[in-house]
Amino acid sequence: MEKDIIKDKVLKLFQNRLNKDFSGKEELLDVPLFGLEIGIHAFELVYIFFDIEREFNIHISEKDIQEGKLSTINTIINMIDSYKL
């Protein structure tokens, strides 16, 4: 799957779950999800993890979480891309 398609799907998941539109806001894709700018709550991120697993038919490992692969929208996109869908 092309990275642009992954990005579009991830942004749609965030929009649906958080009611926040990140389209055209490239500067926010590298901002920490738990920071003041985006302000995601831990329970919201858990739901997004489940949405990602379901949408891309992958399993997010504890190792991925511990290595910070879910800390920004871009790291999430890169992690999904690394699964070579």
Protein backbone atom coordinates (compact mmCIF):
# COMPACT_ATOMS: atom_id res chain seq x y z
CA MET A 1 0.00 0.00 0.00
CA GLU A 2 1.33 3.43 -0.91
CA LYS A 3 2.30 5.75 1.92
CA ASP A 4 -0.10 8.47 0.70
CA ILE A 5 -3.00 6.03 0.96
CA ILE A 6 -1.89 5.02 4.47
CA LYS A 7 -1.68 8.69 5.44
CA ASP A 8 -5.17 9.44 4.10
CA LYS A 9 -6.64 6.48 5.98
CA VAL A 10 -4.86 7.38 9.24
CA LEU A 11 -6.01 11.00 9.02
CA LYS A 12 -9.57 9.79 8.40
CA LEU A 13 -9.36 7.55 11.50
CA PHE A 14 -8.23 10.50 13.61
CA GLN A 15 -10.96 12.68 12.16
CA ASN A 16 -13.66 10.11 12.82
CA ARG A 17 -12.48 9.28 16.34
CA LEU A 18 -11.51 12.77 17.57
CA ASN A 19 -13.63 14.96 15.34
CA LYS A 20 -10.42 16.83 14.38
CA ASP A 21 -9.40 17.41 10.78
CA PHE A 22 -5.64 17.22 10.21
CA SER A 23 -5.87 17.49 6.41
CA GLY A 24 -3.66 20.27 5.10
CA LYS A 25 -2.01 20.69 8.50
CA GLU A 26 1.31 19.03 7.76
CA GLU A 27 2.97 20.84 10.68
CA LEU A 28 0.83 18.85 13.13
CA LEU A 29 1.87 15.45 11.81
CA ASP A 30 5.12 15.54 13.80
CA VAL A 31 3.67 17.03 16.97
CA PRO A 32 3.43 14.64 19.97
CA LEU A 33 -0.10 13.33 20.30
CA PHE A 34 -0.13 13.88 24.07
CA GLY A 35 1.15 17.47 23.80
CA LEU A 36 -0.85 20.62 24.29
CA GLU A 37 -1.34 21.24 20.57
CA ILE A 38 -3.21 18.02 19.81
CA GLY A 39 -4.15 17.06 23.36
CA ILE A 40 -5.19 13.45 22.89
CA HIS A 41 -6.24 11.57 26.01
CA ALA A 42 -4.78 8.11 26.62
CA PHE A 43 -8.15 6.37 26.27
CA GLU A 44 -8.70 8.06 22.88
CA LEU A 45 -5.34 6.79 21.67
CA VAL A 46 -6.25 3.25 22.74
CA TYR A 47 -9.38 3.43 20.56
CA ILE A 48 -7.28 4.77 17.68
CA PHE A 49 -4.88 1.82 18.11
CA PHE A 50 -7.81 -0.57 17.75
CA ASP A 51 -9.10 1.39 14.74
CA ILE A 52 -5.65 1.16 13.10
CA GLU A 53 -5.38 -2.58 13.75
CA ARG A 54 -8.82 -3.15 12.27
CA GLU A 55 -8.39 -0.82 9.27
CA PHE A 56 -4.97 -2.14 8.24
CA ASN A 57 -5.37 -5.72 9.49
CA ILE A 58 -2.21 -5.50 11.61
CA HIS A 59 -1.29 -6.13 15.24
CA ILE A 60 0.49 -3.28 17.01
CA SER A 61 3.12 -4.91 19.18
CA GLU A 62 4.20 -3.81 22.63
CA LYS A 63 7.64 -3.25 21.12
CA ASP A 64 6.21 -0.71 18.66
CA ILE A 65 4.53 1.13 21.53
CA GLN A 66 7.65 1.08 23.71
CA GLU A 67 9.82 2.34 20.84
CA GLY A 68 7.57 5.39 20.41
CA LYS A 69 6.23 4.38 17.02
CA LEU A 70 2.84 5.74 18.03
CA SER A 71 3.90 9.11 19.40
CA THR A 72 2.99 11.27 16.39
CA ILE A 73 0.78 10.86 13.37
CA ASN A 74 3.85 10.52 11.13
CA THR A 75 5.41 7.82 13.32
CA ILE A 76 2.11 5.93 13.13
CA ILE A 77 2.10 6.24 9.34
CA ASN A 78 5.72 5.03 9.17
CA MET A 79 4.99 2.11 11.49
CA ILE A 80 2.06 0.99 9.35
CA ASP A 81 4.18 1.38 6.20
CA SER A 82 6.87 -0.83 7.78
CA TYR A 83 4.38 -3.70 7.84
CA LYS A 84 4.50 -3.66 3.99
CA LEU A 85 0.77 -3.97 3.45
